[in-house]
Amino acid sequence: MPQDKFLAIKCRASTLKTSTIVMKMITDKQKKFINDIKDVITENGINAIDALDLNKFTCYDASKLISGLLGLRDCYKAISRGACVTSTAYCDEALDNVVDTIEKYK
């Protein structure tokens, strides 16, 4: 086999195929759950999630927001029982998840 033909075959075989990465969008179940538990961060009748378009959320970000809201709910329950949760890793992570996700979609 001539050298040029061999190189052409080798090049075709090593060509990378491009693929499209598809981000899965928020599900209806996630939207409903977020709306059910978003009151955790309501202050003076204002909720930051109300100003967001949940339809733009990826499934990952919706899960992150849900995780944060559930974590904050747990922290508030602990506080109401007299526990000191200030600066605990669990509560800090929950707050970060909520704030970071809201900031991302403002």
PDB file of N, CA and C in Angstrom:
ATOM      1  N   MET A   1       0.855  -1.172   0.000  1.00  0.00           N
ATOM      2  CA  MET A   1       0.000   0.000   0.000  1.00  0.00           C
ATOM      3  C   MET A   1       0.898   1.232   0.000  1.00  0.00           C
ATOM      4  N   PRO A   2       0.643   2.165  -0.916  1.00  0.00           N
ATOM      5  CA  PRO A   2       1.457   3.379  -0.943  1.00  0.00           C
ATOM      6  C   PRO A   2       1.298   4.174   0.351  1.00  0.00           C
ATOM      7  N   GLN A   3       2.355   4.855   0.707  1.00  0.00           N
ATOM      8  CA  GLN A   3       2.396   5.617   1.958  1.00  0.00           C
ATOM      9  C   GLN A   3       1.266   6.649   2.044  1.00  0.00           C
ATOM     10  N   ASP A   4       0.970   7.385   0.966  1.00  0.00           N
ATOM     11  CA  ASP A   4      -0.073   8.418   0.980  1.00  0.00           C
ATOM     12  C   ASP A   4      -1.446   7.824   1.276  1.00  0.00           C
ATOM     13  N   LYS A   5      -1.758   6.684   0.676  1.00  0.00           N
ATOM     14  CA  LYS A   5      -3.043   6.040   0.899  1.00  0.00           C
ATOM     15  C   LYS A   5      -3.166   5.571   2.347  1.00  0.00           C
ATOM     16  N   PHE A   6      -2.093   5.046   2.919  1.00  0.00           N
ATOM     17  CA  PHE A   6      -2.089   4.593   4.306  1.00  0.00           C
ATOM     18  C   PHE A   6      -2.359   5.747   5.257  1.00  0.00           C
ATOM     19  N   LEU A   7      -1.713   6.894   5.025  1.00  0.00           N
ATOM     20  CA  LEU A   7      -1.917   8.063   5.879  1.00  0.00           C
ATOM     21  C   LEU A   7      -3.349   8.577   5.798  1.00  0.00           C
ATOM     22  N   ALA A   8      -3.924   8.547   4.580  1.00  0.00           N
ATOM     23  CA  ALA A   8      -5.296   9.016   4.421  1.00  0.00           C
ATOM     24  C   ALA A   8      -6.257   8.125   5.203  1.00  0.00           C
ATOM     25  N   ILE A   9      -6.054   6.826   5.141  1.00  0.00           N
ATOM     26  CA  ILE A   9      -6.911   5.897   5.887  1.00  0.00           C
ATOM     27  C   ILE A   9      -6.738   6.117   7.383  1.00  0.00           C
ATOM     28  N   LYS A  10      -5.501   6.293   7.828  1.00  0.00           N
ATOM     29  CA  LYS A  10      -5.231   6.511   9.250  1.00  0.00           C
ATOM     30  C   LYS A  10      -5.886   7.803   9.734  1.00  0.00           C
ATOM     31  N   CYS A  11      -5.838   8.845   8.929  1.00  0.00           N
ATOM     32  CA  CYS A  11      -6.429  10.123   9.322  1.00  0.00           C
ATOM     33  C   CYS A  11      -7.939  10.009   9.458  1.00  0.00           C
ATOM     34  N   ARG A  12      -8.586   9.330   8.503  1.00  0.00           N
ATOM     35  CA  ARG A  12     -10.033   9.165   8.581  1.00  0.00           C
ATOM     36  C   ARG A  12     -10.428   8.366   9.811  1.00  0.00           C
ATOM     37  N   ALA A  13      -9.660   7.392  10.149  1.00  0.00           N
ATOM     38  CA  ALA A  13      -9.981   6.546  11.300  1.00  0.00           C
ATOM     39  C   ALA A  13      -9.820   7.308  12.615  1.00  0.00           C
ATOM     40  N   SER A  14      -8.932   8.277  12.644  1.00  0.00           N
ATOM     41  CA  SER A  14      -8.685   8.989  13.891  1.00  0.00           C
ATOM     42  C   SER A  14      -9.489  10.282  14.011  1.00  0.00           C
ATOM     43  N   THR A  15     -10.295  10.594  13.009  1.00  0.00           N
ATOM     44  CA  THR A  15     -11.104  11.809  13.062  1.00  0.00           C
ATOM     45  C   THR A  15     -12.124  11.692  14.191  1.00  0.00           C
ATOM     46  N   LEU A  16     -12.181  12.713  15.018  1.00  0.00           N
ATOM     47  CA  LEU A  16     -13.123  12.713  16.127  1.00  0.00           C
ATOM     48  C   LEU A  16     -14.501  13.138  15.641  1.00  0.00           C
ATOM     49  N   LYS A  17     -15.501  12.441  16.088  1.00  0.00           N
ATOM     50  CA  LYS A  17     -16.863  12.829  15.769  1.00  0.00           C
ATOM     51  C   LYS A  17     -17.307  13.872  16.780  1.00  0.00           C
ATOM     52  N   THR A  18     -18.023  14.866  16.316  1.00  0.00           N
ATOM     53  CA  THR A  18     -18.540  15.867  17.243  1.00  0.00           C
ATOM     54  C   THR A  18     -19.897  15.398  17.739  1.00  0.00           C
ATOM     55  N   SER A  19     -20.163  15.686  18.975  1.00  0.00           N
ATOM     56  CA  SER A  19     -21.461  15.321  19.531  1.00  0.00           C
ATOM     57  C   SER A  19     -22.062  16.536  20.216  1.00  0.00           C
ATOM     58  N   THR A  20     -23.345  16.552  20.283  1.00  0.00           N
ATOM     59  CA  THR A  20     -24.054  17.643  20.926  1.00  0.00           C
ATOM     60  C   THR A  20     -24.427  17.217  22.331  1.00  0.00           C
ATOM     61  N   ILE A  21     -24.105  18.051  23.291  1.00  0.00           N
ATOM     62  CA  ILE A  21     -24.473  17.780  24.676  1.00  0.00           C
ATOM     63  C   ILE A  21     -25.828  18.429  24.917  1.00  0.00           C
ATOM     64  N   VAL A  22     -26.768  17.630  25.335  1.00  0.00           N
ATOM     65  CA  VAL A  22     -28.114  18.126  25.585  1.00  0.00           C
ATOM     66  C   VAL A  22     -28.313  18.204  27.090  1.00  0.00           C
ATOM     67  N   MET A  23     -28.681  19.385  27.545  1.00  0.00           N
ATOM     68  CA  MET A  23     -28.945  19.578  28.966  1.00  0.00           C
ATOM     69  C   MET A  23     -30.405  19.238  29.223  1.00  0.00           C
ATOM     70  N   LYS A  24     -30.648  18.345  30.149  1.00  0.00           N
ATOM     71  CA  LYS A  24     -32.020  17.993  30.491  1.00  0.00           C
ATOM     72  C   LYS A  24     -32.613  19.143  31.291  1.00  0.00           C
ATOM     73  N   MET A  25     -33.802  19.533  30.915  1.00  0.00           N
ATOM     74  CA  MET A  25     -34.456  20.663  31.559  1.00  0.00           C
ATOM     75  C   MET A  25     -35.305  20.199  32.737  1.00  0.00           C
ATOM     76  N   ILE A  26     -35.682  21.143  33.560  1.00  0.00           N
ATOM     77  CA  ILE A  26     -36.461  20.890  34.766  1.00  0.00           C
ATOM     78  C   ILE A  26     -37.732  20.107  34.437  1.00  0.00           C
ATOM     79  N   THR A  27     -38.095  19.227  35.320  1.00  0.00           N
ATOM     80  CA  THR A  27     -39.312  18.436  35.115  1.00  0.00           C
ATOM     81  C   THR A  27     -40.496  19.126  35.800  1.00  0.00           C
ATOM     82  N   ASP A  28     -41.694  18.729  35.399  1.00  0.00           N
ATOM     83  CA  ASP A  28     -42.896  19.283  36.037  1.00  0.00           C
ATOM     84  C   ASP A  28     -42.946  18.932  37.520  1.00  0.00           C
ATOM     85  N   LYS A  29     -42.477  17.735  37.842  1.00  0.00           N
ATOM     86  CA  LYS A  29     -42.454  17.294  39.240  1.00  0.00           C
ATOM     87  C   LYS A  29     -41.517  18.180  40.072  1.00  0.00           C
ATOM     88  N   GLN A  30     -40.353  18.538  39.508  1.00  0.00           N
ATOM     89  CA  GLN A  30     -39.419  19.416  40.209  1.00  0.00           C
ATOM     90  C   GLN A  30     -40.015  20.812  40.402  1.00  0.00           C
ATOM     91  N   LYS A  31     -40.679  21.331  39.353  1.00  0.00           N
ATOM     92  CA  LYS A  31     -41.303  22.656  39.457  1.00  0.00           C
ATOM     93  C   LYS A  31     -42.343  22.671  40.574  1.00  0.00           C
ATOM     94  N   LYS A  32     -43.183  21.640  40.604  1.00  0.00           N
ATOM     95  CA  LYS A  32     -44.212  21.561  41.637  1.00  0.00           C
ATOM     96  C   LYS A  32     -43.586  21.491  43.024  1.00  0.00           C
ATOM     97  N   PHE A  33     -42.531  20.687  43.157  1.00  0.00           N
ATOM     98  CA  PHE A  33     -41.892  20.542  44.463  1.00  0.00           C
ATOM     99  C   PHE A  33     -41.251  21.852  44.908  1.00  0.00           C
ATOM    100  N   ILE A  34     -40.595  22.549  44.003  1.00  0.00           N
ATOM    101  CA  ILE A  34     -39.989  23.847  44.334  1.00  0.00           C
ATOM    102  C   ILE A  34     -41.078  24.814  44.798  1.00  0.00           C
ATOM    103  N   ASN A  35     -42.190  24.864  44.078  1.00  0.00           N
ATOM    104  CA  ASN A  35     -43.283  25.757  44.465  1.00  0.00           C
ATOM    105  C   ASN A  35     -43.892  25.371  45.803  1.00  0.00           C
ATOM    106  N   ASP A  36     -43.868  24.089  46.129  1.00  0.00           N
ATOM    107  CA  ASP A  36     -44.405  23.627  47.411  1.00  0.00           C
ATOM    108  C   ASP A  36     -43.524  24.013  48.600  1.00  0.00           C
ATOM    109  N   ILE A  37     -42.206  24.043  48.390  1.00  0.00           N
ATOM    110  CA  ILE A  37     -41.299  24.283  49.525  1.00  0.00           C
ATOM    111  C   ILE A  37     -40.587  25.629  49.494  1.00  0.00           C
ATOM    112  N   LYS A  38     -40.887  26.466  48.508  1.00  0.00           N
ATOM    113  CA  LYS A  38     -40.177  27.745  48.382  1.00  0.00           C
ATOM    114  C   LYS A  38     -40.465  28.714  49.523  1.00  0.00           C
ATOM    115  N   ASP A  39     -41.534  28.474  50.284  1.00  0.00           N
ATOM    116  CA  ASP A  39     -41.877  29.361  51.397  1.00  0.00           C
ATOM    117  C   ASP A  39     -40.798  29.395  52.474  1.00  0.00           C
ATOM    118  N   VAL A  40     -39.886  28.446  52.427  1.00  0.00           N
ATOM    119  CA  VAL A  40     -38.775  28.410  53.386  1.00  0.00           C
ATOM    120  C   VAL A  40     -37.978  29.712  53.326  1.00  0.00           C
ATOM    121  N   ILE A  41     -37.905  30.322  52.136  1.00  0.00           N
ATOM    122  CA  ILE A  41     -37.096  31.545  52.009  1.00  0.00           C
ATOM    123  C   ILE A  41     -37.948  32.791  51.808  1.00  0.00           C
ATOM    124  N   THR A  42     -39.219  32.730  52.128  1.00  0.00           N
ATOM    125  CA  THR A  42     -40.090  33.902  52.025  1.00  0.00           C
ATOM    126  C   THR A  42     -39.837  34.822  53.210  1.00  0.00           C
ATOM    127  N   GLU A  43     -39.596  36.086  52.894  1.00  0.00           N
ATOM    128  CA  GLU A  43     -39.343  37.069  53.949  1.00  0.00           C
ATOM    129  C   GLU A  43     -40.186  38.304  53.665  1.00  0.00           C
ATOM    130  N   ASN A  44     -40.985  38.701  54.624  1.00  0.00           N
ATOM    131  CA  ASN A  44     -41.880  39.858  54.475  1.00  0.00           C
ATOM    132  C   ASN A  44     -42.768  39.721  53.238  1.00  0.00           C
ATOM    133  N   GLY A  45     -43.222  38.520  52.971  1.00  0.00           N
ATOM    134  CA  GLY A  45     -44.103  38.277  51.833  1.00  0.00           C
ATOM    135  C   GLY A  45     -43.411  38.242  50.485  1.00  0.00           C
ATOM    136  N   ILE A  46     -42.091  38.371  50.464  1.00  0.00           N
ATOM    137  CA  ILE A  46     -41.335  38.384  49.205  1.00  0.00           C
ATOM    138  C   ILE A  46     -40.539  37.088  49.087  1.00  0.00           C
ATOM    139  N   ASN A  47     -40.641  36.447  47.930  1.00  0.00           N
ATOM    140  CA  ASN A  47     -39.893  35.225  47.683  1.00  0.00           C
ATOM    141  C   ASN A  47     -39.086  35.394  46.401  1.00  0.00           C
ATOM    142  N   ALA A  48     -37.779  35.222  46.503  1.00  0.00           N
ATOM    143  CA  ALA A  48     -36.886  35.430  45.356  1.00  0.00           C
ATOM    144  C   ALA A  48     -37.156  34.445  44.219  1.00  0.00           C
ATOM    145  N   ILE A  49     -37.687  33.293  44.534  1.00  0.00           N
ATOM    146  CA  ILE A  49     -37.949  32.291  43.496  1.00  0.00           C
ATOM    147  C   ILE A  49     -39.099  32.728  42.592  1.00  0.00           C
ATOM    148  N   ASP A  50     -40.028  33.516  43.126  1.00  0.00           N
ATOM    149  CA  ASP A  50     -41.158  33.998  42.325  1.00  0.00           C
ATOM    150  C   ASP A  50     -40.694  34.823  41.132  1.00  0.00           C
ATOM    151  N   ALA A  51     -39.564  35.491  41.250  1.00  0.00           N
ATOM    152  CA  ALA A  51     -39.064  36.345  40.171  1.00  0.00           C
ATOM    153  C   ALA A  51     -38.315  35.552  39.094  1.00  0.00           C
ATOM    154  N   LEU A  52     -38.122  34.259  39.309  1.00  0.00           N
ATOM    155  CA  LEU A  52     -37.360  33.435  38.365  1.00  0.00           C
ATOM    156  C   LEU A  52     -38.285  32.669  37.430  1.00  0.00           C
ATOM    157  N   ASP A  53     -37.792  32.401  36.224  1.00  0.00           N
ATOM    158  CA  ASP A  53     -38.521  31.554  35.278  1.00  0.00           C
ATOM    159  C   ASP A  53     -38.008  30.129  35.449  1.00  0.00           C
ATOM    160  N   LEU A  54     -38.765  29.316  36.158  1.00  0.00           N
ATOM    161  CA  LEU A  54     -38.330  27.943  36.436  1.00  0.00           C
ATOM    162  C   LEU A  54     -38.166  27.119  35.167  1.00  0.00           C
ATOM    163  N   ASN A  55     -38.816  27.502  34.092  1.00  0.00           N
ATOM    164  CA  ASN A  55     -38.705  26.761  32.830  1.00  0.00           C
ATOM    165  C   ASN A  55     -37.296  26.824  32.240  1.00  0.00           C
ATOM    166  N   LYS A  56     -36.493  27.778  32.656  1.00  0.00           N
ATOM    167  CA  LYS A  56     -35.125  27.914  32.152  1.00  0.00           C
ATOM    168  C   LYS A  56     -34.123  27.057  32.938  1.00  0.00           C
ATOM    169  N   PHE A  57     -34.554  26.490  34.043  1.00  0.00           N
ATOM    170  CA  PHE A  57     -33.666  25.705  34.896  1.00  0.00           C
ATOM    171  C   PHE A  57     -33.306  24.380  34.248  1.00  0.00           C
ATOM    172  N   THR A  58     -32.061  23.973  34.440  1.00  0.00           N
ATOM    173  CA  THR A  58     -31.687  22.616  34.058  1.00  0.00           C
ATOM    174  C   THR A  58     -32.129  21.688  35.184  1.00  0.00           C
ATOM    175  N   CYS A  59     -32.190  20.429  34.885  1.00  0.00           N
ATOM    176  CA  CYS A  59     -32.575  19.431  35.881  1.00  0.00           C
ATOM    177  C   CYS A  59     -31.588  19.453  37.050  1.00  0.00           C
ATOM    178  N   TYR A  60     -30.300  19.614  36.734  1.00  0.00           N
ATOM    179  CA  TYR A  60     -29.254  19.647  37.762  1.00  0.00           C
ATOM    180  C   TYR A  60     -29.458  20.838  38.700  1.00  0.00           C
ATOM    181  N   ASP A  61     -29.677  22.020  38.122  1.00  0.00           N
ATOM    182  CA  ASP A  61     -29.847  23.215  38.958  1.00  0.00           C
ATOM    183  C   ASP A  61     -31.124  23.148  39.791  1.00  0.00           C
ATOM    184  N   ALA A  62     -32.178  22.563  39.228  1.00  0.00           N
ATOM    185  CA  ALA A  62     -33.411  22.391  39.990  1.00  0.00           C
ATOM    186  C   ALA A  62     -33.161  21.472  41.183  1.00  0.00           C
ATOM    187  N   SER A  63     -32.406  20.405  40.961  1.00  0.00           N
ATOM    188  CA  SER A  63     -32.081  19.483  42.057  1.00  0.00           C
ATOM    189  C   SER A  63     -31.247  20.170  43.128  1.00  0.00           C
ATOM    190  N   LYS A  64     -30.329  21.016  42.687  1.00  0.00           N
ATOM    191  CA  LYS A  64     -29.486  21.758  43.626  1.00  0.00           C
ATOM    192  C   LYS A  64     -30.327  22.723  44.464  1.00  0.00           C
ATOM    193  N   LEU A  65     -31.273  23.398  43.819  1.00  0.00           N
ATOM    194  CA  LEU A  65     -32.159  24.317  44.534  1.00  0.00           C
ATOM    195  C   LEU A  65     -33.036  23.557  45.524  1.00  0.00           C
ATOM    196  N   ILE A  66     -33.595  22.448  45.091  1.00  0.00           N
ATOM    197  CA  ILE A  66     -34.436  21.625  45.976  1.00  0.00           C
ATOM    198  C   ILE A  66     -33.633  21.148  47.175  1.00  0.00           C
ATOM    199  N   SER A  67     -32.434  20.687  46.934  1.00  0.00           N
ATOM    200  CA  SER A  67     -31.562  20.227  48.021  1.00  0.00           C
ATOM    201  C   SER A  67     -31.310  21.349  49.021  1.00  0.00           C
ATOM    202  N   GLY A  68     -31.040  22.539  48.513  1.00  0.00           N
ATOM    203  CA  GLY A  68     -30.796  23.685  49.384  1.00  0.00           C
ATOM    204  C   GLY A  68     -32.025  24.083  50.184  1.00  0.00           C
ATOM    205  N   LEU A  69     -33.179  24.086  49.533  1.00  0.00           N
ATOM    206  CA  LEU A  69     -34.420  24.451  50.229  1.00  0.00           C
ATOM    207  C   LEU A  69     -34.751  23.439  51.327  1.00  0.00           C
ATOM    208  N   LEU A  70     -34.577  22.166  51.031  1.00  0.00           N
ATOM    209  CA  LEU A  70     -34.825  21.138  52.049  1.00  0.00           C
ATOM    210  C   LEU A  70     -33.834  21.268  53.208  1.00  0.00           C
ATOM    211  N   GLY A  71     -32.589  21.580  52.883  1.00  0.00           N
ATOM    212  CA  GLY A  71     -31.575  21.770  53.918  1.00  0.00           C
ATOM    213  C   GLY A  71     -31.900  22.953  54.816  1.00  0.00           C
ATOM    214  N   LEU A  72     -32.324  24.058  54.205  1.00  0.00           N
ATOM    215  CA  LEU A  72     -32.694  25.234  55.001  1.00  0.00           C
ATOM    216  C   LEU A  72     -33.902  24.936  55.878  1.00  0.00           C
ATOM    217  N   ARG A  73     -34.839  24.185  55.344  1.00  0.00           N
ATOM    218  CA  ARG A  73     -36.016  23.812  56.146  1.00  0.00           C
ATOM    219  C   ARG A  73     -35.587  23.009  57.372  1.00  0.00           C
ATOM    220  N   ASP A  74     -34.651  22.085  57.176  1.00  0.00           N
ATOM    221  CA  ASP A  74     -34.130  21.307  58.301  1.00  0.00           C
ATOM    222  C   ASP A  74     -33.432  22.205  59.318  1.00  0.00           C
ATOM    223  N   CYS A  75     -32.668  23.160  58.829  1.00  0.00           N
ATOM    224  CA  CYS A  75     -31.949  24.078  59.719  1.00  0.00           C
ATOM    225  C   CYS A  75     -32.926  24.930  60.529  1.00  0.00           C
ATOM    226  N   TYR A  76     -33.963  25.431  59.867  1.00  0.00           N
ATOM    227  CA  TYR A  76     -34.958  26.235  60.578  1.00  0.00           C
ATOM    228  C   TYR A  76     -35.689  25.416  61.638  1.00  0.00           C
ATOM    229  N   LYS A  77     -35.965  24.155  61.325  1.00  0.00           N
ATOM    230  CA  LYS A  77     -36.600  23.279  62.319  1.00  0.00           C
ATOM    231  C   LYS A  77     -35.689  23.092  63.527  1.00  0.00           C
ATOM    232  N   ALA A  78     -34.397  22.900  63.273  1.00  0.00           N
ATOM    233  CA  ALA A  78     -33.432  22.721  64.370  1.00  0.00           C
ATOM    234  C   ALA A  78     -33.341  23.981  65.217  1.00  0.00           C
ATOM    235  N   ILE A  79     -33.350  25.134  64.573  1.00  0.00           N
ATOM    236  CA  ILE A  79     -33.306  26.407  65.300  1.00  0.00           C
ATOM    237  C   ILE A  79     -34.549  26.563  66.173  1.00  0.00           C
ATOM    238  N   SER A  80     -35.704  26.187  65.630  1.00  0.00           N
ATOM    239  CA  SER A  80     -36.940  26.327  66.409  1.00  0.00           C
ATOM    240  C   SER A  80     -36.948  25.409  67.625  1.00  0.00           C
ATOM    241  N   ARG A  81     -36.119  24.385  67.614  1.00  0.00           N
ATOM    242  CA  ARG A  81     -36.015  23.474  68.760  1.00  0.00           C
ATOM    243  C   ARG A  81     -34.874  23.868  69.696  1.00  0.00           C
ATOM    244  N   GLY A  82     -34.234  24.987  69.401  1.00  0.00           N
ATOM    245  CA  GLY A  82     -33.195  25.493  70.277  1.00  0.00           C
ATOM    246  C   GLY A  82     -31.781  25.082  69.918  1.00  0.00           C
ATOM    247  N   ALA A  83     -31.600  24.392  68.813  1.00  0.00           N
ATOM    248  CA  ALA A  83     -30.251  23.975  68.407  1.00  0.00           C
ATOM    249  C   ALA A  83     -29.505  25.155  67.791  1.00  0.00           C
ATOM    250  N   CYS A  84     -28.211  25.175  67.998  1.00  0.00           N
ATOM    251  CA  CYS A  84     -27.357  26.199  67.399  1.00  0.00           C
ATOM    252  C   CYS A  84     -26.765  25.634  66.113  1.00  0.00           C
ATOM    253  N   VAL A  85     -27.240  26.118  64.976  1.00  0.00           N
ATOM    254  CA  VAL A  85     -26.773  25.599  63.688  1.00  0.00           C
ATOM    255  C   VAL A  85     -25.982  26.635  62.897  1.00  0.00           C
ATOM    256  N   THR A  86     -25.706  27.765  63.506  1.00  0.00           N
ATOM    257  CA  THR A  86     -24.963  28.816  62.832  1.00  0.00           C
ATOM    258  C   THR A  86     -23.598  28.296  62.397  1.00  0.00           C
ATOM    259  N   SER A  87     -23.282  28.511  61.148  1.00  0.00           N
ATOM    260  CA  SER A  87     -22.003  28.135  60.548  1.00  0.00           C
ATOM    261  C   SER A  87     -21.730  26.634  60.551  1.00  0.00           C
ATOM    262  N   THR A  88     -22.774  25.830  60.563  1.00  0.00           N
ATOM    263  CA  THR A  88     -22.560  24.392  60.387  1.00  0.00           C
ATOM    264  C   THR A  88     -22.407  24.126  58.891  1.00  0.00           C
ATOM    265  N   ALA A  89     -21.639  23.129  58.555  1.00  0.00           N
ATOM    266  CA  ALA A  89     -21.391  22.814  57.145  1.00  0.00           C
ATOM    267  C   ALA A  89     -22.692  22.519  56.409  1.00  0.00           C
ATOM    268  N   TYR A  90     -23.597  21.809  57.065  1.00  0.00           N
ATOM    269  CA  TYR A  90     -24.872  21.437  56.442  1.00  0.00           C
ATOM    270  C   TYR A  90     -25.694  22.670  56.075  1.00  0.00           C
ATOM    271  N   CYS A  91     -25.836  23.571  57.023  1.00  0.00           N
ATOM    272  CA  CYS A  91     -26.647  24.767  56.782  1.00  0.00           C
ATOM    273  C   CYS A  91     -25.951  25.734  55.824  1.00  0.00           C
ATOM    274  N   ASP A  92     -24.648  25.845  55.927  1.00  0.00           N
ATOM    275  CA  ASP A  92     -23.907  26.704  55.003  1.00  0.00           C
ATOM    276  C   ASP A  92     -24.037  26.204  53.566  1.00  0.00           C
ATOM    277  N   GLU A  93     -23.947  24.888  53.384  1.00  0.00           N
ATOM    278  CA  GLU A  93     -24.079  24.314  52.039  1.00  0.00           C
ATOM    279  C   GLU A  93     -25.495  24.518  51.502  1.00  0.00           C
ATOM    280  N   ALA A  94     -26.486  24.333  52.351  1.00  0.00           N
ATOM    281  CA  ALA A  94     -27.878  24.533  51.935  1.00  0.00           C
ATOM    282  C   ALA A  94     -28.098  25.972  51.484  1.00  0.00           C
ATOM    283  N   LEU A  95     -27.611  26.913  52.272  1.00  0.00           N
ATOM    284  CA  LEU A  95     -27.757  28.324  51.921  1.00  0.00           C
ATOM    285  C   LEU A  95     -27.019  28.647  50.623  1.00  0.00           C
ATOM    286  N   ASP A  96     -25.806  28.134  50.485  1.00  0.00           N
ATOM    287  CA  ASP A  96     -25.028  28.355  49.257  1.00  0.00           C
ATOM    288  C   ASP A  96     -25.756  27.805  48.034  1.00  0.00           C
ATOM    289  N   ASN A  97     -26.333  26.613  48.162  1.00  0.00           N
ATOM    290  CA  ASN A  97     -27.049  26.011  47.036  1.00  0.00           C
ATOM    291  C   ASN A  97     -28.221  26.880  46.594  1.00  0.00           C
ATOM    292  N   VAL A  98     -28.950  27.413  47.551  1.00  0.00           N
ATOM    293  CA  VAL A  98     -30.105  28.257  47.223  1.00  0.00           C
ATOM    294  C   VAL A  98     -29.637  29.584  46.621  1.00  0.00           C
ATOM    295  N   VAL A  99     -28.735  30.254  47.290  1.00  0.00           N
ATOM    296  CA  VAL A  99     -28.280  31.576  46.824  1.00  0.00           C
ATOM    297  C   VAL A  99     -27.586  31.478  45.474  1.00  0.00           C
ATOM    298  N   ASP A 100     -26.694  30.510  45.303  1.00  0.00           N
ATOM    299  CA  ASP A 100     -25.969  30.372  44.036  1.00  0.00           C
ATOM    300  C   ASP A 100     -26.921  30.092  42.871  1.00  0.00           C
ATOM    301  N   THR A 101     -27.904  29.249  43.101  1.00  0.00           N
ATOM    302  CA  THR A 101     -28.851  28.916  42.033  1.00  0.00           C
ATOM    303  C   THR A 101     -29.723  30.120  41.682  1.00  0.00           C
ATOM    304  N   ILE A 102     -30.192  30.840  42.681  1.00  0.00           N
ATOM    305  CA  ILE A 102     -30.998  32.030  42.420  1.00  0.00           C
ATOM    306  C   ILE A 102     -30.177  33.068  41.666  1.00  0.00           C
ATOM    307  N   GLU A 103     -28.958  33.297  42.083  1.00  0.00           N
ATOM    308  CA  GLU A 103     -28.082  34.265  41.403  1.00  0.00           C
ATOM    309  C   GLU A 103     -27.834  33.881  39.942  1.00  0.00           C
ATOM    310  N   LYS A 104     -27.684  32.598  39.699  1.00  0.00           N
ATOM    311  CA  LYS A 104     -27.404  32.107  38.340  1.00  0.00           C
ATOM    312  C   LYS A 104     -28.557  32.414  37.382  1.00  0.00           C
ATOM    313  N   TYR A 105     -29.778  32.381  37.878  1.00  0.00           N
ATOM    314  CA  TYR A 105     -30.946  32.559  37.003  1.00  0.00           C
ATOM    315  C   TYR A 105     -31.624  33.919  37.119  1.00  0.00           C
ATOM    316  N   LYS A 106     -31.022  34.854  37.839  1.00  0.00           N
ATOM    317  CA  LYS A 106     -31.591  36.211  37.937  1.00  0.00           C
ATOM    318  C   LYS A 106     -31.582  36.891  36.599  1.00  0.00           C
TER     319      LYS A 106
END
